[in-house]
C-alpha atoms as a PDB file:
ATOM      1  CA  MET A   1       7.687   9.100  34.592  1.00  0.00           C
ATOM      2  CA  GLU A   2       9.551   7.218  31.871  1.00  0.00           C
ATOM      3  CA  PRO A   3       7.662   5.980  28.779  1.00  0.00           C
ATOM      4  CA  ASN A   4       6.254   2.475  29.221  1.00  0.00           C
ATOM      5  CA  ILE A   5       7.990   0.706  26.337  1.00  0.00           C
ATOM      6  CA  SER A   6       6.973  -2.725  27.602  1.00  0.00           C
ATOM      7  CA  PHE A   7       3.277  -1.836  27.295  1.00  0.00           C
ATOM      8  CA  ILE A   8       3.583  -0.942  23.599  1.00  0.00           C
ATOM      9  CA  ALA A   9       5.836  -3.947  22.996  1.00  0.00           C
ATOM     10  CA  SER A  10       3.254  -6.271  24.555  1.00  0.00           C
ATOM     11  CA  LEU A  11       0.519  -4.857  22.321  1.00  0.00           C
ATOM     12  CA  ILE A  12       2.543  -5.424  19.158  1.00  0.00           C
ATOM     13  CA  GLY A  13       4.039  -8.696  20.407  1.00  0.00           C
ATOM     14  CA  ASP A  14       0.800 -10.676  20.265  1.00  0.00           C
ATOM     15  CA  SER A  15       0.734 -12.581  16.956  1.00  0.00           C
ATOM     16  CA  ALA A  16      -2.923 -11.823  16.145  1.00  0.00           C
ATOM     17  CA  ARG A  17      -2.528  -8.136  16.904  1.00  0.00           C
ATOM     18  CA  SER A  18       0.701  -7.912  14.916  1.00  0.00           C
ATOM     19  CA  ARG A  19      -1.032  -9.422  11.875  1.00  0.00           C
ATOM     20  CA  MET A  20      -3.826  -6.872  12.138  1.00  0.00           C
ATOM     21  CA  LEU A  21      -1.325  -4.043  12.433  1.00  0.00           C
ATOM     22  CA  MET A  22       0.563  -5.293   9.387  1.00  0.00           C
ATOM     23  CA  ALA A  23      -2.694  -5.467   7.414  1.00  0.00           C
ATOM     24  CA  LEU A  24      -3.197  -1.764   8.138  1.00  0.00           C
ATOM     25  CA  LEU A  25       0.307  -0.789   7.019  1.00  0.00           C
ATOM     26  CA  GLY A  26      -1.049  -0.103   3.534  1.00  0.00           C
ATOM     27  CA  GLY A  27      -2.901   2.949   4.884  1.00  0.00           C
ATOM     28  CA  LYS A  28      -6.367   1.565   4.112  1.00  0.00           C
ATOM     29  CA  ALA A  29      -9.016   1.535   6.854  1.00  0.00           C
ATOM     30  CA  LEU A  30     -10.445  -1.925   7.557  1.00  0.00           C
ATOM     31  CA  THR A  31     -13.406  -3.224   9.523  1.00  0.00           C
ATOM     32  CA  ALA A  32     -13.153  -5.557  12.510  1.00  0.00           C
ATOM     33  CA  THR A  33     -14.478  -8.389  10.344  1.00  0.00           C
ATOM     34  CA  GLU A  34     -11.812  -7.813   7.692  1.00  0.00           C
ATOM     35  CA  LEU A  35      -9.098  -7.667  10.334  1.00  0.00           C
ATOM     36  CA  ALA A  36     -10.392 -10.874  11.922  1.00  0.00           C
ATOM     37  CA  VAL A  37      -9.899 -12.596   8.572  1.00  0.00           C
ATOM     38  CA  GLU A  38      -6.364 -11.163   8.280  1.00  0.00           C
ATOM     39  CA  ALA A  39      -5.482 -12.478  11.740  1.00  0.00           C
ATOM     40  CA  ASP A  40      -7.348 -15.775  11.283  1.00  0.00           C
ATOM     41  CA  ILE A  41      -9.349 -15.301  14.488  1.00  0.00           C
ATOM     42  CA  THR A  42     -13.035 -14.977  15.365  1.00  0.00           C
ATOM     43  CA  PRO A  43     -14.749 -11.564  15.155  1.00  0.00           C
ATOM     44  CA  GLN A  44     -15.280 -11.631  18.936  1.00  0.00           C
ATOM     45  CA  THR A  45     -11.586 -12.185  19.593  1.00  0.00           C
ATOM     46  CA  ALA A  46     -10.685  -9.511  17.039  1.00  0.00           C
ATOM     47  CA  SER A  47     -12.955  -7.019  18.801  1.00  0.00           C
ATOM     48  CA  SER A  48     -11.104  -7.593  22.083  1.00  0.00           C
ATOM     49  CA  HIS A  49      -7.692  -7.150  20.425  1.00  0.00           C
ATOM     50  CA  LEU A  50      -8.797  -4.021  18.575  1.00  0.00           C
ATOM     51  CA  SER A  51     -10.050  -2.424  21.788  1.00  0.00           C
ATOM     52  CA  LYS A  52      -6.611  -2.902  23.317  1.00  0.00           C
ATOM     53  CA  LEU A  53      -4.893  -1.414  20.266  1.00  0.00           C
ATOM     54  CA  VAL A  54      -7.187   1.608  20.293  1.00  0.00           C
ATOM     55  CA  ASP A  55      -6.735   2.105  24.057  1.00  0.00           C
ATOM     56  CA  GLY A  56      -2.985   1.826  23.526  1.00  0.00           C
ATOM     57  CA  LYS A  57      -3.172   4.556  20.872  1.00  0.00           C
ATOM     58  CA  LEU A  58      -1.749   2.368  18.125  1.00  0.00           C
ATOM     59  CA  LEU A  59      -5.045   2.459  16.223  1.00  0.00           C
ATOM     60  CA  VAL A  60      -7.857   4.935  15.722  1.00  0.00           C
ATOM     61  CA  VAL A  61     -11.445   3.955  15.014  1.00  0.00           C
ATOM     62  CA  ARG A  62     -13.709   5.894  12.648  1.00  0.00           C
ATOM     63  CA  LYS A  63     -17.469   5.481  12.451  1.00  0.00           C
ATOM     64  CA  GLN A  64     -19.088   5.660   9.026  1.00  0.00           C
ATOM     65  CA  GLY A  65     -22.816   4.980   9.168  1.00  0.00           C
ATOM     66  CA  ARG A  66     -23.333   1.623  10.848  1.00  0.00           C
ATOM     67  CA  HIS A  67     -19.731   0.528  10.365  1.00  0.00           C
ATOM     68  CA  LYS A  68     -16.519   1.088  12.275  1.00  0.00           C
ATOM     69  CA  TYR A  69     -13.206   1.316  10.455  1.00  0.00           C
ATOM     70  CA  PHE A  70      -9.775   0.957  12.000  1.00  0.00           C
ATOM     71  CA  GLN A  71      -6.576   2.696  10.912  1.00  0.00           C
ATOM     72  CA  LEU A  72      -3.062   3.113  12.250  1.00  0.00           C
ATOM     73  CA  GLN A  73      -2.805   6.035  14.653  1.00  0.00           C
ATOM     74  CA  GLY A  74      -0.432   7.792  12.291  1.00  0.00           C
ATOM     75  CA  LEU A  75       2.884   7.836  10.496  1.00  0.00           C
ATOM     76  CA  ALA A  76       4.908   7.188  13.653  1.00  0.00           C
ATOM     77  CA  VAL A  77       3.182   3.821  14.171  1.00  0.00           C
ATOM     78  CA  ALA A  78       3.708   2.897  10.509  1.00  0.00           C
ATOM     79  CA  GLU A  79       7.405   3.762  10.727  1.00  0.00           C
ATOM     80  CA  LEU A  80       7.744   1.678  13.891  1.00  0.00           C
ATOM     81  CA  LEU A  81       6.205  -1.353  12.168  1.00  0.00           C
ATOM     82  CA  GLU A  82       8.471  -0.946   9.125  1.00  0.00           C
ATOM     83  CA  LYS A  83      11.522  -0.748  11.388  1.00  0.00           C
ATOM     84  CA  LEU A  84      10.419  -3.896  13.208  1.00  0.00           C
ATOM     85  CA  LEU A  85      10.134  -5.657   9.853  1.00  0.00           C
ATOM     86  CA  ASN A  86      13.728  -4.705   9.078  1.00  0.00           C
ATOM     87  CA  ILE A  87      14.945  -5.821  12.506  1.00  0.00           C
ATOM     88  CA  THR A  88      13.089  -9.123  12.230  1.00  0.00           C
ATOM     89  CA  SER A  89      14.554  -9.729   8.785  1.00  0.00           C
ATOM     90  CA  SER A  90      18.061  -9.242  10.158  1.00  0.00           C
ATOM     91  CA  PHE A  91      17.570 -12.263  12.419  1.00  0.00           C
ATOM     92  CA  GLU A  92      16.889 -14.557   9.485  1.00  0.00           C
ATOM     93  CA  SER A  93      19.468 -16.670   7.682  1.00  0.00           C
ATOM     94  CA  PRO A  94      21.725 -14.601   5.378  1.00  0.00           C
ATOM     95  CA  MET A  95      20.899 -17.105   2.648  1.00  0.00           C
ATOM     96  CA  LYS A  96      17.207 -16.239   2.839  1.00  0.00           C
ATOM     97  CA  LYS A  97      15.972 -13.260   0.866  1.00  0.00           C
ATOM     98  CA  THR A  98      14.547 -10.460   2.976  1.00  0.00           C
ATOM     99  CA  GLY A  99      11.059  -9.068   2.683  1.00  0.00           C
ATOM    100  CA  PRO A 100       7.838 -10.668   1.439  1.00  0.00           C
ATOM    101  CA  ASP A 101       7.759 -13.800  -0.682  1.00  0.00           C
ATOM    102  CA  ASP A 102       5.079 -12.335  -2.959  1.00  0.00           C
ATOM    103  CA  GLN A 103       6.813 -10.978  -6.071  1.00  0.00           C
ATOM    104  CA  GLY A 104       4.219  -8.242  -6.550  1.00  0.00           C
ATOM    105  CA  LEU A 105       4.917  -6.895  -3.053  1.00  0.00           C
ATOM    106  CA  ARG A 106       8.644  -7.065  -3.653  1.00  0.00           C
ATOM    107  CA  LYS A 107       8.340  -5.079  -6.890  1.00  0.00           C
ATOM    108  CA  ALA A 108       6.103  -2.245  -5.720  1.00  0.00           C
ATOM    109  CA  ARG A 109       3.990  -1.792  -2.609  1.00  0.00           C
ATOM    110  CA  VAL A 110       2.506   0.867  -0.364  1.00  0.00           C
ATOM    111  CA  CYS A 111       4.505   1.665   2.759  1.00  0.00           C
ATOM    112  CA  TYR A 112       1.724   3.497   4.622  1.00  0.00           C
ATOM    113  CA  ASP A 113       1.502   6.426   2.176  1.00  0.00           C
ATOM    114  CA  HIS A 114       4.552   6.187  -0.094  1.00  0.00           C
ATOM    115  CA  LEU A 115       6.109   3.860  -2.663  1.00  0.00           C
ATOM    116  CA  ALA A 116       8.279   0.967  -1.490  1.00  0.00           C
ATOM    117  CA  GLY A 117       9.886  -2.127  -2.963  1.00  0.00           C
ATOM    118  CA  GLU A 118      12.111  -2.318  -6.027  1.00  0.00           C
ATOM    119  CA  PHE A 119      10.305   0.563  -7.721  1.00  0.00           C
ATOM    120  CA  GLY A 120      10.578   2.748  -4.620  1.00  0.00           C
ATOM    121  CA  VAL A 121      14.320   2.167  -4.281  1.00  0.00           C
ATOM    122  CA  ALA A 122      14.848   2.732  -8.027  1.00  0.00           C
ATOM    123  CA  LEU A 123      12.982   6.046  -7.737  1.00  0.00           C
ATOM    124  CA  TYR A 124      15.132   7.145  -4.802  1.00  0.00           C
ATOM    125  CA  ASP A 125      18.357   6.211  -6.593  1.00  0.00           C
ATOM    126  CA  ALA A 126      17.286   8.048  -9.766  1.00  0.00           C
ATOM    127  CA  LEU A 127      16.367  11.215  -7.840  1.00  0.00           C
ATOM    128  CA  ALA A 128      19.737  11.150  -6.054  1.00  0.00           C
ATOM    129  CA  LYS A 129      21.668  10.468  -9.274  1.00  0.00           C
ATOM    130  CA  GLY A 130      19.799  13.254 -11.064  1.00  0.00           C
ATOM    131  CA  GLY A 131      20.664  15.757  -8.355  1.00  0.00           C
ATOM    132  CA  TYR A 132      17.056  16.248  -7.233  1.00  0.00           C
ATOM    133  CA  ILE A 133      17.722  15.013  -3.704  1.00  0.00           C
ATOM    134  CA  ILE A 134      20.823  14.660  -1.570  1.00  0.00           C
ATOM    135  CA  ASP A 135      21.159  11.238   0.020  1.00  0.00           C
ATOM    136  CA  LYS A 136      22.896  11.218   3.404  1.00  0.00           C
ATOM    137  CA  ALA A 137      21.890   7.694   4.453  1.00  0.00           C
ATOM    138  CA  SER A 138      19.442   8.464   7.273  1.00  0.00           C
ATOM    139  CA  GLU A 139      18.800  12.015   6.039  1.00  0.00           C
ATOM    140  CA  THR A 140      17.471  13.201   2.690  1.00  0.00           C
ATOM    141  CA  MET A 141      17.287  16.769   1.396  1.00  0.00           C
ATOM    142  CA  LEU A 142      15.555  18.331  -1.598  1.00  0.00           C
ATOM    143  CA  THR A 143      17.960  20.335  -3.780  1.00  0.00           C
ATOM    144  CA  GLU A 144      17.236  23.536  -5.697  1.00  0.00           C
ATOM    145  CA  LYS A 145      17.169  21.465  -8.884  1.00  0.00           C
ATOM    146  CA  GLY A 146      14.688  19.130  -7.246  1.00  0.00           C
ATOM    147  CA  LEU A 147      12.573  22.055  -6.089  1.00  0.00           C
ATOM    148  CA  MET A 148      12.325  23.359  -9.657  1.00  0.00           C
ATOM    149  CA  PHE A 149      11.605  19.888 -11.060  1.00  0.00           C
ATOM    150  CA  PHE A 150       8.755  19.151  -8.685  1.00  0.00           C
ATOM    151  CA  ASN A 151       7.306  22.655  -8.925  1.00  0.00           C
ATOM    152  CA  GLU A 152       7.102  22.123 -12.692  1.00  0.00           C
ATOM    153  CA  SER A 153       5.472  18.741 -12.008  1.00  0.00           C
ATOM    154  CA  GLY A 154       2.666  20.388 -10.074  1.00  0.00           C
ATOM    155  CA  VAL A 155       3.929  20.226  -6.503  1.00  0.00           C
ATOM    156  CA  ASN A 156       3.338  23.304  -4.364  1.00  0.00           C
ATOM    157  CA  VAL A 157       6.416  22.891  -2.207  1.00  0.00           C
ATOM    158  CA  ASP A 158       5.585  26.107  -0.329  1.00  0.00           C
ATOM    159  CA  ASP A 159       2.546  24.344   1.112  1.00  0.00           C
ATOM    160  CA  PHE A 160       4.817  21.639   2.457  1.00  0.00           C
ATOM    161  CA  SER A 161       6.482  24.151   4.768  1.00  0.00           C
ATOM    162  CA  LYS A 162       3.195  24.480   6.662  1.00  0.00           C
ATOM    163  CA  HIS A 163       3.454  20.891   7.842  1.00  0.00           C
ATOM    164  CA  LYS A 164       5.579  19.500  10.655  1.00  0.00           C
ATOM    165  CA  ARG A 165       6.330  16.401   8.598  1.00  0.00           C
ATOM    166  CA  PRO A 166       9.595  16.564   6.593  1.00  0.00           C
ATOM    167  CA  ILE A 167       9.429  17.246   2.861  1.00  0.00           C
ATOM    168  CA  CYS A 168      11.854  14.399   2.193  1.00  0.00           C
ATOM    169  CA  LYS A 169      12.719  11.504   4.419  1.00  0.00           C
ATOM    170  CA  SER A 170      14.585   8.281   3.788  1.00  0.00           C
ATOM    171  CA  CYS A 171      12.887   5.045   4.799  1.00  0.00           C
ATOM    172  CA  LEU A 172      14.890   1.812   4.887  1.00  0.00           C
ATOM    173  CA  ASP A 173      13.134  -0.610   2.575  1.00  0.00           C
ATOM    174  CA  TRP A 174      12.129  -3.930   4.147  1.00  0.00           C
ATOM    175  CA  SER A 175      12.889  -6.091   1.098  1.00  0.00           C
ATOM    176  CA  GLU A 176      15.614  -4.103  -0.674  1.00  0.00           C
ATOM    177  CA  ARG A 177      17.480  -3.002   2.470  1.00  0.00           C
ATOM    178  CA  ARG A 178      18.154   0.361   0.838  1.00  0.00           C
ATOM    179  CA  ASN A 179      16.440   3.716   1.046  1.00  0.00           C
ATOM    180  CA  HIS A 180      13.149   4.631  -0.546  1.00  0.00           C
ATOM    181  CA  LEU A 181      11.541   8.070  -0.361  1.00  0.00           C
ATOM    182  CA  ALA A 182       9.086   8.939   2.397  1.00  0.00           C
ATOM    183  CA  GLY A 183       7.924  12.319   3.717  1.00  0.00           C
ATOM    184  CA  LEU A 184       5.486  14.710   2.070  1.00  0.00           C
ATOM    185  CA  LEU A 185       7.202  14.381  -1.299  1.00  0.00           C
ATOM    186  CA  GLY A 186       7.075  10.589  -1.181  1.00  0.00           C
ATOM    187  CA  GLN A 187       3.375  10.785  -0.400  1.00  0.00           C
ATOM    188  CA  TRP A 188       2.788  13.196  -3.306  1.00  0.00           C
ATOM    189  CA  ILE A 189       4.639  10.980  -5.787  1.00  0.00           C
ATOM    190  CA  LEU A 190       2.551   7.929  -4.863  1.00  0.00           C
ATOM    191  CA  MET A 191      -0.700   9.851  -5.208  1.00  0.00           C
ATOM    192  CA  ASP A 192       0.495  11.272  -8.527  1.00  0.00           C
ATOM    193  CA  ILE A 193       1.172   7.734  -9.786  1.00  0.00           C
ATOM    194  CA  PHE A 194      -2.395   6.737  -8.950  1.00  0.00           C
ATOM    195  CA  ASN A 195      -3.923   9.976 -10.267  1.00  0.00           C
ATOM    196  CA  ARG A 196      -2.169   9.579 -13.608  1.00  0.00           C
ATOM    197  CA  GLY A 197      -3.462   6.029 -13.912  1.00  0.00           C
ATOM    198  CA  TRP A 198       0.036   4.579 -14.094  1.00  0.00           C
ATOM    199  CA  ALA A 199      -0.774   2.031 -11.433  1.00  0.00           C
ATOM    200  CA  THR A 200      -3.506   0.797  -9.129  1.00  0.00           C
ATOM    201  CA  LYS A 201      -3.395  -0.674  -5.646  1.00  0.00           C
ATOM    202  CA  ASN A 202      -4.176  -4.343  -5.261  1.00  0.00           C
ATOM    203  CA  LEU A 203      -7.420  -4.580  -3.284  1.00  0.00           C
ATOM    204  CA  ASP A 204      -6.230  -7.626  -1.366  1.00  0.00           C
ATOM    205  CA  SER A 205      -2.725  -6.554  -0.400  1.00  0.00           C
ATOM    206  CA  ARG A 206      -0.271  -3.647  -0.295  1.00  0.00           C
ATOM    207  CA  ALA A 207       0.973  -4.462  -3.786  1.00  0.00           C
ATOM    208  CA  ILE A 208       0.949  -1.704  -6.424  1.00  0.00           C
ATOM    209  CA  LEU A 209       0.187  -2.909  -9.940  1.00  0.00           C
ATOM    210  CA  PHE A 210       1.761  -0.801 -12.694  1.00  0.00           C
ATOM    211  CA  THR A 211       0.379  -1.001 -16.200  1.00  0.00           C
ATOM    212  CA  ARG A 212       2.995  -1.559 -18.890  1.00  0.00           C
ATOM    213  CA  SER A 213       2.528   1.979 -20.219  1.00  0.00           C
ATOM    214  CA  GLY A 214       2.414   3.349 -16.659  1.00  0.00           C
ATOM    215  CA  GLU A 215       5.707   1.706 -15.797  1.00  0.00           C
ATOM    216  CA  LYS A 216       7.283   3.227 -18.899  1.00  0.00           C
ATOM    217  CA  SER A 217       5.904   6.699 -18.109  1.00  0.00           C
ATOM    218  CA  PHE A 218       7.035   6.430 -14.485  1.00  0.00           C
ATOM    219  CA  CYS A 219      10.568   5.481 -15.540  1.00  0.00           C
ATOM    220  CA  ASN A 220      10.732   8.202 -18.194  1.00  0.00           C
ATOM    221  CA  LYS A 221       9.566  10.933 -15.836  1.00  0.00           C
ATOM    222  CA  TYR A 222      12.100  10.170 -13.132  1.00  0.00           C
ATOM    223  CA  GLY A 223      14.968   8.933 -15.302  1.00  0.00           C
ATOM    224  CA  ILE A 224      14.824   5.376 -14.014  1.00  0.00           C
ATOM    225  CA  SER A 225      16.583   2.596 -15.898  1.00  0.00           C
ATOM    226  CA  GLY A 226      17.167  -1.084 -15.277  1.00  0.00           C
ATOM    227  CA  LEU A 227      13.818  -2.039 -13.791  1.00  0.00           C
ATOM    228  CA  SER A 228      12.726  -5.550 -14.685  1.00  0.00           C
ATOM    229  CA  GLN A 229       9.599  -6.050 -16.752  1.00  0.00           C
ATOM    230  CA  SER A 230       8.222  -8.869 -14.614  1.00  0.00           C
ATOM    231  CA  ILE A 231       5.020  -7.050 -13.622  1.00  0.00           C
ATOM    232  CA  LYS A 232       2.343  -7.955 -16.108  1.00  0.00           C
ATOM    233  CA  SER A 233       0.276  -5.237 -17.720  1.00  0.00           C
ATOM    234  CA  THR A 234      -3.210  -4.719 -16.366  1.00  0.00           C
END
């Protein structure tokens, strides 16, 4: 039996469900009430939509005490949504800028579990220019130099080999239309940014807010130059 593409397409194609899915693209689990607000629908209607998304294996539900939290089923669903964003953007007028209108989201945002936006693309370019990764458009590889650099930064790359997920993977950025870094290494870099206190995640969106000193440290560590200073310090 062939995969039922139309079934998945119909689940995503509903405008309320698509808004709820997009709200979960930041990797954070949300309640039905929070997702109802995101989709601008009643909690009862949201509950019906969420049941369909869970049954369709696009979402998982987790119970914590008296509350239920919803998350994307996994990385594959997140990647599908990001690709749909890129496809949708390609239908728009060439005079219109791609990606979100919010400048904070355009600068730096979470793409499920890695860094996206202008900062994400600048990171990818710097790693490629420095010889830490090899950029082959749709394929990205970690070099020996990159292996040494990240080992010295605290990454246990040997542990990465235990996972099925690639160490490095290119992800076409929705707003920049160029690659940013996904995979296990992309996930580690984002968590390292947060752990070092260089940036925090906006509680109301996928935007990542760098402090002025955090932005400087981030750029110094990865050899990034040319980033604008339009993000205000926190």
